[in-house]
Amino acid sequence: AERAAAREAERVARAKAALRRRAVTTSRTLLERYD
């Protein structure tokens, strides 16, 4: 159960990091358009 919880926590952390990268990329692309 502890190993499964650790795997799930790692999966959630990777998903949050990917979400943040996508959001930053979207805004950075818009910033480049403004520039």
PDB file of all heavy atoms in Angstrom:
ATOM      1  N   ALA A   1       0.835  -1.203   0.000  1.00  0.00           N
ATOM      2  CA  ALA A   1       0.000   0.000   0.000  1.00  0.00           C
ATOM      3  C   ALA A   1       0.871   1.254   0.000  1.00  0.00           C
ATOM      4  O   ALA A   1       0.562   2.229  -0.695  1.00  0.00           O
ATOM      5  CB  ALA A   1      -0.929   0.007   1.208  1.00  0.00           C
ATOM      6  N   GLU A   2       1.960   1.231   0.746  1.00  0.00           N
ATOM      7  CA  GLU A   2       2.859   2.389   0.773  1.00  0.00           C
ATOM      8  C   GLU A   2       3.538   2.585  -0.579  1.00  0.00           C
ATOM      9  O   GLU A   2       3.681   3.715  -1.049  1.00  0.00           O
ATOM     10  CB  GLU A   2       3.913   2.214   1.870  1.00  0.00           C
ATOM     11  CG  GLU A   2       3.348   2.313   3.272  1.00  0.00           C
ATOM     12  CD  GLU A   2       4.342   1.894   4.343  1.00  0.00           C
ATOM     13  OE1 GLU A   2       5.201   1.019   4.076  1.00  0.00           O
ATOM     14  OE2 GLU A   2       4.245   2.444   5.445  1.00  0.00           O
ATOM     15  N   ARG A   3       3.940   1.491  -1.216  1.00  0.00           N
ATOM     16  CA  ARG A   3       4.554   1.587  -2.544  1.00  0.00           C
ATOM     17  C   ARG A   3       3.552   2.116  -3.567  1.00  0.00           C
ATOM     18  O   ARG A   3       3.887   2.956  -4.403  1.00  0.00           O
ATOM     19  CB  ARG A   3       5.123   0.235  -2.978  1.00  0.00           C
ATOM     20  CG  ARG A   3       6.381  -0.166  -2.201  1.00  0.00           C
ATOM     21  CD  ARG A   3       7.066  -1.382  -2.813  1.00  0.00           C
ATOM     22  NE  ARG A   3       6.210  -2.544  -2.989  1.00  0.00           N
ATOM     23  CZ  ARG A   3       6.008  -3.513  -2.084  1.00  0.00           C
ATOM     24  NH1 ARG A   3       6.621  -3.442  -0.917  1.00  0.00           N
ATOM     25  NH2 ARG A   3       5.221  -4.525  -2.346  1.00  0.00           N
ATOM     26  N   ALA A   4       2.317   1.655  -3.494  1.00  0.00           N
ATOM     27  CA  ALA A   4       1.282   2.126  -4.415  1.00  0.00           C
ATOM     28  C   ALA A   4       1.011   3.615  -4.189  1.00  0.00           C
ATOM     29  O   ALA A   4       0.847   4.375  -5.148  1.00  0.00           O
ATOM     30  CB  ALA A   4       0.002   1.318  -4.239  1.00  0.00           C
ATOM     31  N   ALA A   5       0.975   4.035  -2.936  1.00  0.00           N
ATOM     32  CA  ALA A   5       0.747   5.459  -2.631  1.00  0.00           C
ATOM     33  C   ALA A   5       1.909   6.306  -3.154  1.00  0.00           C
ATOM     34  O   ALA A   5       1.693   7.404  -3.681  1.00  0.00           O
ATOM     35  CB  ALA A   5       0.569   5.656  -1.130  1.00  0.00           C
ATOM     36  N   ALA A   6       3.125   5.809  -3.034  1.00  0.00           N
ATOM     37  CA  ALA A   6       4.292   6.544  -3.535  1.00  0.00           C
ATOM     38  C   ALA A   6       4.246   6.651  -5.060  1.00  0.00           C
ATOM     39  O   ALA A   6       4.547   7.711  -5.620  1.00  0.00           O
ATOM     40  CB  ALA A   6       5.583   5.860  -3.096  1.00  0.00           C
ATOM     41  N   ARG A   7       3.850   5.569  -5.734  1.00  0.00           N
ATOM     42  CA  ARG A   7       3.727   5.609  -7.200  1.00  0.00           C
ATOM     43  C   ARG A   7       2.648   6.608  -7.614  1.00  0.00           C
ATOM     44  O   ARG A   7       2.833   7.362  -8.562  1.00  0.00           O
ATOM     45  CB  ARG A   7       3.415   4.222  -7.755  1.00  0.00           C
ATOM     46  CG  ARG A   7       4.611   3.293  -7.817  1.00  0.00           C
ATOM     47  CD  ARG A   7       4.312   2.036  -8.623  1.00  0.00           C
ATOM     48  NE  ARG A   7       3.173   1.287  -8.131  1.00  0.00           N
ATOM     49  CZ  ARG A   7       3.217   0.336  -7.206  1.00  0.00           C
ATOM     50  NH1 ARG A   7       4.372   0.011  -6.667  1.00  0.00           N
ATOM     51  NH2 ARG A   7       2.129  -0.292  -6.817  1.00  0.00           N
ATOM     52  N   GLU A   8       1.531   6.623  -6.907  1.00  0.00           N
ATOM     53  CA  GLU A   8       0.451   7.552  -7.221  1.00  0.00           C
ATOM     54  C   GLU A   8       0.894   9.001  -6.991  1.00  0.00           C
ATOM     55  O   GLU A   8       0.600   9.884  -7.793  1.00  0.00           O
ATOM     56  CB  GLU A   8      -0.789   7.237  -6.380  1.00  0.00           C
ATOM     57  CG  GLU A   8      -1.956   8.166  -6.607  1.00  0.00           C
ATOM     58  CD  GLU A   8      -2.515   8.142  -8.028  1.00  0.00           C
ATOM     59  OE1 GLU A   8      -2.194   7.234  -8.812  1.00  0.00           O
ATOM     60  OE2 GLU A   8      -3.277   9.063  -8.357  1.00  0.00           O
ATOM     61  N   ALA A   9       1.610   9.243  -5.906  1.00  0.00           N
ATOM     62  CA  ALA A   9       2.107  10.594  -5.628  1.00  0.00           C
ATOM     63  C   ALA A   9       3.071  11.043  -6.727  1.00  0.00           C
ATOM     64  O   ALA A   9       3.033  12.200  -7.163  1.00  0.00           O
ATOM     65  CB  ALA A   9       2.788  10.648  -4.266  1.00  0.00           C
ATOM     66  N   GLU A  10       3.898  10.146  -7.203  1.00  0.00           N
ATOM     67  CA  GLU A  10       4.838  10.466  -8.283  1.00  0.00           C
ATOM     68  C   GLU A  10       4.077  10.758  -9.578  1.00  0.00           C
ATOM     69  O   GLU A  10       4.397  11.699 -10.301  1.00  0.00           O
ATOM     70  CB  GLU A  10       5.820   9.306  -8.495  1.00  0.00           C
ATOM     71  CG  GLU A  10       6.788   9.515  -9.629  1.00  0.00           C
ATOM     72  CD  GLU A  10       7.733  10.680  -9.421  1.00  0.00           C
ATOM     73  OE1 GLU A  10       8.008  11.043  -8.268  1.00  0.00           O
ATOM     74  OE2 GLU A  10       8.190  11.251 -10.428  1.00  0.00           O
ATOM     75  N   ARG A  11       3.040   9.973  -9.864  1.00  0.00           N
ATOM     76  CA  ARG A  11       2.229  10.198 -11.063  1.00  0.00           C
ATOM     77  C   ARG A  11       1.551  11.566 -11.002  1.00  0.00           C
ATOM     78  O   ARG A  11       1.550  12.318 -11.974  1.00  0.00           O
ATOM     79  CB  ARG A  11       1.167   9.104 -11.213  1.00  0.00           C
ATOM     80  CG  ARG A  11       0.376   9.203 -12.511  1.00  0.00           C
ATOM     81  CD  ARG A  11      -0.881   8.357 -12.482  1.00  0.00           C
ATOM     82  NE  ARG A  11      -1.866   8.807 -11.520  1.00  0.00           N
ATOM     83  CZ  ARG A  11      -2.646   9.885 -11.659  1.00  0.00           C
ATOM     84  NH1 ARG A  11      -2.534  10.656 -12.720  1.00  0.00           N
ATOM     85  NH2 ARG A  11      -3.523  10.215 -10.732  1.00  0.00           N
ATOM     86  N   VAL A  12       1.002  11.921  -9.845  1.00  0.00           N
ATOM     87  CA  VAL A  12       0.341  13.218  -9.671  1.00  0.00           C
ATOM     88  C   VAL A  12       1.349  14.353  -9.838  1.00  0.00           C
ATOM     89  O   VAL A  12       1.065  15.354 -10.490  1.00  0.00           O
ATOM     90  CB  VAL A  12      -0.372  13.281  -8.308  1.00  0.00           C
ATOM     91  CG1 VAL A  12      -0.811  14.688  -7.965  1.00  0.00           C
ATOM     92  CG2 VAL A  12      -1.570  12.331  -8.295  1.00  0.00           C
ATOM     93  N   ALA A  13       2.535  14.192  -9.275  1.00  0.00           N
ATOM     94  CA  ALA A  13       3.572  15.224  -9.394  1.00  0.00           C
ATOM     95  C   ALA A  13       3.983  15.412 -10.851  1.00  0.00           C
ATOM     96  O   ALA A  13       4.164  16.549 -11.309  1.00  0.00           O
ATOM     97  CB  ALA A  13       4.782  14.859  -8.539  1.00  0.00           C
ATOM     98  N   ARG A  14       4.118  14.305 -11.599  1.00  0.00           N
ATOM     99  CA  ARG A  14       4.469  14.421 -13.024  1.00  0.00           C
ATOM    100  C   ARG A  14       3.354  15.109 -13.806  1.00  0.00           C
ATOM    101  O   ARG A  14       3.614  15.930 -14.688  1.00  0.00           O
ATOM    102  CB  ARG A  14       4.766  13.039 -13.613  1.00  0.00           C
ATOM    103  CG  ARG A  14       6.148  12.507 -13.276  1.00  0.00           C
ATOM    104  CD  ARG A  14       6.518  11.290 -14.123  1.00  0.00           C
ATOM    105  NE  ARG A  14       5.507  10.255 -14.161  1.00  0.00           N
ATOM    106  CZ  ARG A  14       5.418   9.233 -13.313  1.00  0.00           C
ATOM    107  NH1 ARG A  14       6.298   9.099 -12.361  1.00  0.00           N
ATOM    108  NH2 ARG A  14       4.459   8.336 -13.428  1.00  0.00           N
ATOM    109  N   ALA A  15       2.107  14.781 -13.492  1.00  0.00           N
ATOM    110  CA  ALA A  15       0.971  15.409 -14.186  1.00  0.00           C
ATOM    111  C   ALA A  15       0.916  16.906 -13.901  1.00  0.00           C
ATOM    112  O   ALA A  15       0.672  17.714 -14.805  1.00  0.00           O
ATOM    113  CB  ALA A  15      -0.335  14.735 -13.767  1.00  0.00           C
ATOM    114  N   LYS A  16       1.158  17.288 -12.645  1.00  0.00           N
ATOM    115  CA  LYS A  16       1.163  18.717 -12.307  1.00  0.00           C
ATOM    116  C   LYS A  16       2.295  19.447 -13.020  1.00  0.00           C
ATOM    117  O   LYS A  16       2.111  20.555 -13.521  1.00  0.00           O
ATOM    118  CB  LYS A  16       1.312  18.906 -10.794  1.00  0.00           C
ATOM    119  CG  LYS A  16       0.058  18.596 -10.017  1.00  0.00           C
ATOM    120  CD  LYS A  16       0.295  18.800  -8.534  1.00  0.00           C
ATOM    121  CE  LYS A  16      -0.917  18.464  -7.708  1.00  0.00           C
ATOM    122  NZ  LYS A  16      -0.652  18.613  -6.269  1.00  0.00           N
ATOM    123  N   ALA A  17       3.469  18.824 -13.095  1.00  0.00           N
ATOM    124  CA  ALA A  17       4.604  19.442 -13.780  1.00  0.00           C
ATOM    125  C   ALA A  17       4.311  19.594 -15.273  1.00  0.00           C
ATOM    126  O   ALA A  17       4.631  20.632 -15.872  1.00  0.00           O
ATOM    127  CB  ALA A  17       5.871  18.619 -13.562  1.00  0.00           C
ATOM    128  N   ALA A  18       3.687  18.590 -15.875  1.00  0.00           N
ATOM    129  CA  ALA A  18       3.343  18.676 -17.298  1.00  0.00           C
ATOM    130  C   ALA A  18       2.300  19.766 -17.534  1.00  0.00           C
ATOM    131  O   ALA A  18       2.395  20.520 -18.502  1.00  0.00           O
ATOM    132  CB  ALA A  18       2.826  17.326 -17.800  1.00  0.00           C
ATOM    133  N   LEU A  19       1.326  19.866 -16.648  1.00  0.00           N
ATOM    134  CA  LEU A  19       0.310  20.913 -16.752  1.00  0.00           C
ATOM    135  C   LEU A  19       0.955  22.292 -16.673  1.00  0.00           C
ATOM    136  O   LEU A  19       0.667  23.180 -17.473  1.00  0.00           O
ATOM    137  CB  LEU A  19      -0.728  20.756 -15.643  1.00  0.00           C
ATOM    138  CG  LEU A  19      -1.722  21.894 -15.470  1.00  0.00           C
ATOM    139  CD1 LEU A  19      -2.681  21.947 -16.648  1.00  0.00           C
ATOM    140  CD2 LEU A  19      -2.487  21.727 -14.173  1.00  0.00           C
ATOM    141  N   ARG A  20       1.857  22.465 -15.735  1.00  0.00           N
ATOM    142  CA  ARG A  20       2.544  23.747 -15.575  1.00  0.00           C
ATOM    143  C   ARG A  20       3.364  24.080 -16.825  1.00  0.00           C
ATOM    144  O   ARG A  20       3.359  25.212 -17.295  1.00  0.00           O
ATOM    145  CB  ARG A  20       3.438  23.699 -14.334  1.00  0.00           C
ATOM    146  CG  ARG A  20       4.042  25.020 -13.969  1.00  0.00           C
ATOM    147  CD  ARG A  20       4.763  24.945 -12.642  1.00  0.00           C
ATOM    148  NE  ARG A  20       3.875  24.785 -11.539  1.00  0.00           N
ATOM    149  CZ  ARG A  20       3.350  25.790 -10.841  1.00  0.00           C
ATOM    150  NH1 ARG A  20       3.655  27.028 -11.153  1.00  0.00           N
ATOM    151  NH2 ARG A  20       2.540  25.559  -9.837  1.00  0.00           N
ATOM    152  N   ARG A  21       4.056  23.076 -17.377  1.00  0.00           N
ATOM    153  CA  ARG A  21       4.842  23.316 -18.598  1.00  0.00           C
ATOM    154  C   ARG A  21       3.941  23.744 -19.756  1.00  0.00           C
ATOM    155  O   ARG A  21       4.275  24.665 -20.502  1.00  0.00           O
ATOM    156  CB  ARG A  21       5.628  22.057 -18.995  1.00  0.00           C
ATOM    157  CG  ARG A  21       6.915  21.860 -18.248  1.00  0.00           C
ATOM    158  CD  ARG A  21       7.769  20.755 -18.861  1.00  0.00           C
ATOM    159  NE  ARG A  21       7.081  19.480 -18.967  1.00  0.00           N
ATOM    160  CZ  ARG A  21       6.996  18.572 -17.996  1.00  0.00           C
ATOM    161  NH1 ARG A  21       7.576  18.800 -16.842  1.00  0.00           N
ATOM    162  NH2 ARG A  21       6.348  17.446 -18.181  1.00  0.00           N
ATOM    163  N   ARG A  22       2.797  23.075 -19.903  1.00  0.00           N
ATOM    164  CA  ARG A  22       1.875  23.450 -20.988  1.00  0.00           C
ATOM    165  C   ARG A  22       1.355  24.876 -20.789  1.00  0.00           C
ATOM    166  O   ARG A  22       1.281  25.651 -21.749  1.00  0.00           O
ATOM    167  CB  ARG A  22       0.697  22.471 -21.062  1.00  0.00           C
ATOM    168  CG  ARG A  22       1.063  21.110 -21.625  1.00  0.00           C
ATOM    169  CD  ARG A  22      -0.160  20.250 -21.885  1.00  0.00           C
ATOM    170  NE  ARG A  22      -1.041  20.072 -20.757  1.00  0.00           N
ATOM    171  CZ  ARG A  22      -0.947  19.114 -19.846  1.00  0.00           C
ATOM    172  NH1 ARG A  22       0.030  18.221 -19.939  1.00  0.00           N
ATOM    173  NH2 ARG A  22      -1.820  19.013 -18.855  1.00  0.00           N
ATOM    174  N   ALA A  23       0.986  25.217 -19.574  1.00  0.00           N
ATOM    175  CA  ALA A  23       0.451  26.555 -19.299  1.00  0.00           C
ATOM    176  C   ALA A  23       1.509  27.627 -19.558  1.00  0.00           C
ATOM    177  O   ALA A  23       1.214  28.664 -20.160  1.00  0.00           O
ATOM    178  CB  ALA A  23      -0.056  26.639 -17.860  1.00  0.00           C
ATOM    179  N   VAL A  24       2.722  27.377 -19.130  1.00  0.00           N
ATOM    180  CA  VAL A  24       3.802  28.346 -19.347  1.00  0.00           C
ATOM    181  C   VAL A  24       4.106  28.469 -20.838  1.00  0.00           C
ATOM    182  O   VAL A  24       4.293  29.580 -21.343  1.00  0.00           O
ATOM    183  CB  VAL A  24       5.067  27.941 -18.546  1.00  0.00           C
ATOM    184  CG1 VAL A  24       6.273  28.746 -18.978  1.00  0.00           C
ATOM    185  CG2 VAL A  24       4.825  28.115 -17.060  1.00  0.00           C
ATOM    186  N   THR A  25       4.131  27.351 -21.537  1.00  0.00           N
ATOM    187  CA  THR A  25       4.397  27.385 -22.974  1.00  0.00           C
ATOM    188  C   THR A  25       3.325  28.183 -23.706  1.00  0.00           C
ATOM    189  O   THR A  25       3.637  28.990 -24.593  1.00  0.00           O
ATOM    190  CB  THR A  25       4.485  25.953 -23.540  1.00  0.00           C
ATOM    191  OG1 THR A  25       5.566  25.282 -22.884  1.00  0.00           O
ATOM    192  CG2 THR A  25       4.715  25.952 -25.039  1.00  0.00           C
ATOM    193  N   THR A  26       2.072  28.000 -23.330  1.00  0.00           N
ATOM    194  CA  THR A  26       0.975  28.742 -23.955  1.00  0.00           C
ATOM    195  C   THR A  26       1.161  30.241 -23.747  1.00  0.00           C
ATOM    196  O   THR A  26       1.061  31.034 -24.692  1.00  0.00           O
ATOM    197  CB  THR A  26      -0.378  28.285 -23.380  1.00  0.00           C
ATOM    198  OG1 THR A  26      -0.567  26.901 -23.711  1.00  0.00           O
ATOM    199  CG2 THR A  26      -1.525  29.100 -23.917  1.00  0.00           C
ATOM    200  N   SER A  27       1.444  30.634 -22.509  1.00  0.00           N
ATOM    201  CA  SER A  27       1.618  32.067 -22.228  1.00  0.00           C
ATOM    202  C   SER A  27       2.898  32.617 -22.841  1.00  0.00           C
ATOM    203  O   SER A  27       2.932  33.760 -23.294  1.00  0.00           O
ATOM    204  CB  SER A  27       1.589  32.317 -20.721  1.00  0.00           C
ATOM    205  OG  SER A  27       0.270  32.173 -20.250  1.00  0.00           O
ATOM    206  N   ARG A  28       3.949  31.814 -22.869  1.00  0.00           N
ATOM    207  CA  ARG A  28       5.204  32.271 -23.482  1.00  0.00           C
ATOM    208  C   ARG A  28       5.003  32.487 -24.981  1.00  0.00           C
ATOM    209  O   ARG A  28       5.509  33.455 -25.549  1.00  0.00           O
ATOM    210  CB  ARG A  28       6.330  31.269 -23.244  1.00  0.00           C
ATOM    211  CG  ARG A  28       7.584  31.692 -24.002  1.00  0.00           C
ATOM    212  CD  ARG A  28       8.852  31.213 -23.433  1.00  0.00           C
ATOM    213  NE  ARG A  28       9.287  31.813 -22.213  1.00  0.00           N
ATOM    214  CZ  ARG A  28       9.723  33.055 -22.077  1.00  0.00           C
ATOM    215  NH1 ARG A  28       9.706  33.879 -23.083  1.00  0.00           N
ATOM    216  NH2 ARG A  28      10.174  33.486 -20.930  1.00  0.00           N
ATOM    217  N   THR A  29       4.255  31.612 -25.635  1.00  0.00           N
ATOM    218  CA  THR A  29       3.968  31.773 -27.064  1.00  0.00           C
ATOM    219  C   THR A  29       3.206  33.072 -27.312  1.00  0.00           C
ATOM    220  O   THR A  29       3.500  33.809 -28.261  1.00  0.00           O
ATOM    221  CB  THR A  29       3.175  30.558 -27.582  1.00  0.00           C
ATOM    222  OG1 THR A  29       3.958  29.377 -27.370  1.00  0.00           O
ATOM    223  CG2 THR A  29       2.840  30.686 -29.054  1.00  0.00           C
ATOM    224  N   LEU A  30       2.241  33.360 -26.448  1.00  0.00           N
ATOM    225  CA  LEU A  30       1.501  34.617 -26.568  1.00  0.00           C
ATOM    226  C   LEU A  30       2.426  35.811 -26.328  1.00  0.00           C
ATOM    227  O   LEU A  30       2.350  36.815 -27.049  1.00  0.00           O
ATOM    228  CB  LEU A  30       0.325  34.639 -25.585  1.00  0.00           C
ATOM    229  CG  LEU A  30      -0.553  35.894 -25.610  1.00  0.00           C
ATOM    230  CD1 LEU A  30      -1.166  36.115 -26.998  1.00  0.00           C
ATOM    231  CD2 LEU A  30      -1.641  35.781 -24.549  1.00  0.00           C
ATOM    232  N   LEU A  31       3.312  35.710 -25.356  1.00  0.00           N
ATOM    233  CA  LEU A  31       4.268  36.786 -25.089  1.00  0.00           C
ATOM    234  C   LEU A  31       5.157  37.041 -26.305  1.00  0.00           C
ATOM    235  O   LEU A  31       5.421  38.193 -26.655  1.00  0.00           O
ATOM    236  CB  LEU A  31       5.114  36.433 -23.862  1.00  0.00           C
ATOM    237  CG  LEU A  31       6.115  37.478 -23.395  1.00  0.00           C
ATOM    238  CD1 LEU A  31       5.404  38.753 -22.944  1.00  0.00           C
ATOM    239  CD2 LEU A  31       6.957  36.910 -22.252  1.00  0.00           C
ATOM    240  N   GLU A  32       5.586  35.981 -26.975  1.00  0.00           N
ATOM    241  CA  GLU A  32       6.390  36.132 -28.182  1.00  0.00           C
ATOM    242  C   GLU A  32       5.593  36.839 -29.281  1.00  0.00           C
ATOM    243  O   GLU A  32       6.141  37.649 -30.034  1.00  0.00           O
ATOM    244  CB  GLU A  32       6.880  34.771 -28.669  1.00  0.00           C
ATOM    245  CG  GLU A  32       7.927  34.167 -27.761  1.00  0.00           C
ATOM    246  CD  GLU A  32       8.229  32.709 -28.081  1.00  0.00           C
ATOM    247  OE1 GLU A  32       7.605  32.141 -29.017  1.00  0.00           O
ATOM    248  OE2 GLU A  32       9.086  32.144 -27.391  1.00  0.00           O
ATOM    249  N   ARG A  33       4.305  36.550 -29.357  1.00  0.00           N
ATOM    250  CA  ARG A  33       3.453  37.218 -30.342  1.00  0.00           C
ATOM    251  C   ARG A  33       3.363  38.714 -30.032  1.00  0.00           C
ATOM    252  O   ARG A  33       3.450  39.549 -30.928  1.00  0.00           O
ATOM    253  CB  ARG A  33       2.073  36.567 -30.343  1.00  0.00           C
ATOM    254  CG  ARG A  33       1.023  37.274 -31.166  1.00  0.00           C
ATOM    255  CD  ARG A  33       1.321  37.335 -32.625  1.00  0.00           C
ATOM    256  NE  ARG A  33       1.237  36.039 -33.240  1.00  0.00           N
ATOM    257  CZ  ARG A  33       1.487  35.825 -34.520  1.00  0.00           C
ATOM    258  NH1 ARG A  33       1.817  36.819 -35.310  1.00  0.00           N
ATOM    259  NH2 ARG A  33       1.405  34.622 -35.013  1.00  0.00           N
ATOM    260  N   TYR A  34       3.200  39.055 -28.753  1.00  0.00           N
ATOM    261  CA  TYR A  34       3.176  40.474 -28.365  1.00  0.00           C
ATOM    262  C   TYR A  34       4.493  41.144 -28.725  1.00  0.00           C
ATOM    263  O   TYR A  34       4.511  42.255 -29.268  1.00  0.00           O
ATOM    264  CB  TYR A  34       2.913  40.627 -26.861  1.00  0.00           C
ATOM    265  CG  TYR A  34       1.461  40.695 -26.494  1.00  0.00           C
ATOM    266  CD1 TYR A  34       0.750  39.549 -26.148  1.00  0.00           C
ATOM    267  CD2 TYR A  34       0.771  41.908 -26.472  1.00  0.00           C
ATOM    268  CE1 TYR A  34      -0.597  39.608 -25.805  1.00  0.00           C
ATOM    269  CE2 TYR A  34      -0.569  41.980 -26.138  1.00  0.00           C
ATOM    270  CZ  TYR A  34      -1.240  40.826 -25.801  1.00  0.00           C
ATOM    271  OH  TYR A  34      -2.564  40.901 -25.479  1.00  0.00           O
ATOM    272  N   ASP A  35       5.608  40.493 -28.417  1.00  0.00           N
ATOM    273  CA  ASP A  35       6.923  41.068 -28.721  1.00  0.00           C
ATOM    274  C   ASP A  35       7.104  41.294 -30.221  1.00  0.00           C
ATOM    275  O   ASP A  35       7.613  42.337 -30.649  1.00  0.00           O
ATOM    276  CB  ASP A  35       8.039  40.175 -28.177  1.00  0.00           C
ATOM    277  CG  ASP A  35       8.139  40.218 -26.659  1.00  0.00           C
ATOM    278  OD1 ASP A  35       7.598  41.172 -26.048  1.00  0.00           O
ATOM    279  OD2 ASP A  35       8.741  39.292 -26.083  1.00  0.00           O
TER     280      ASP A  35
END
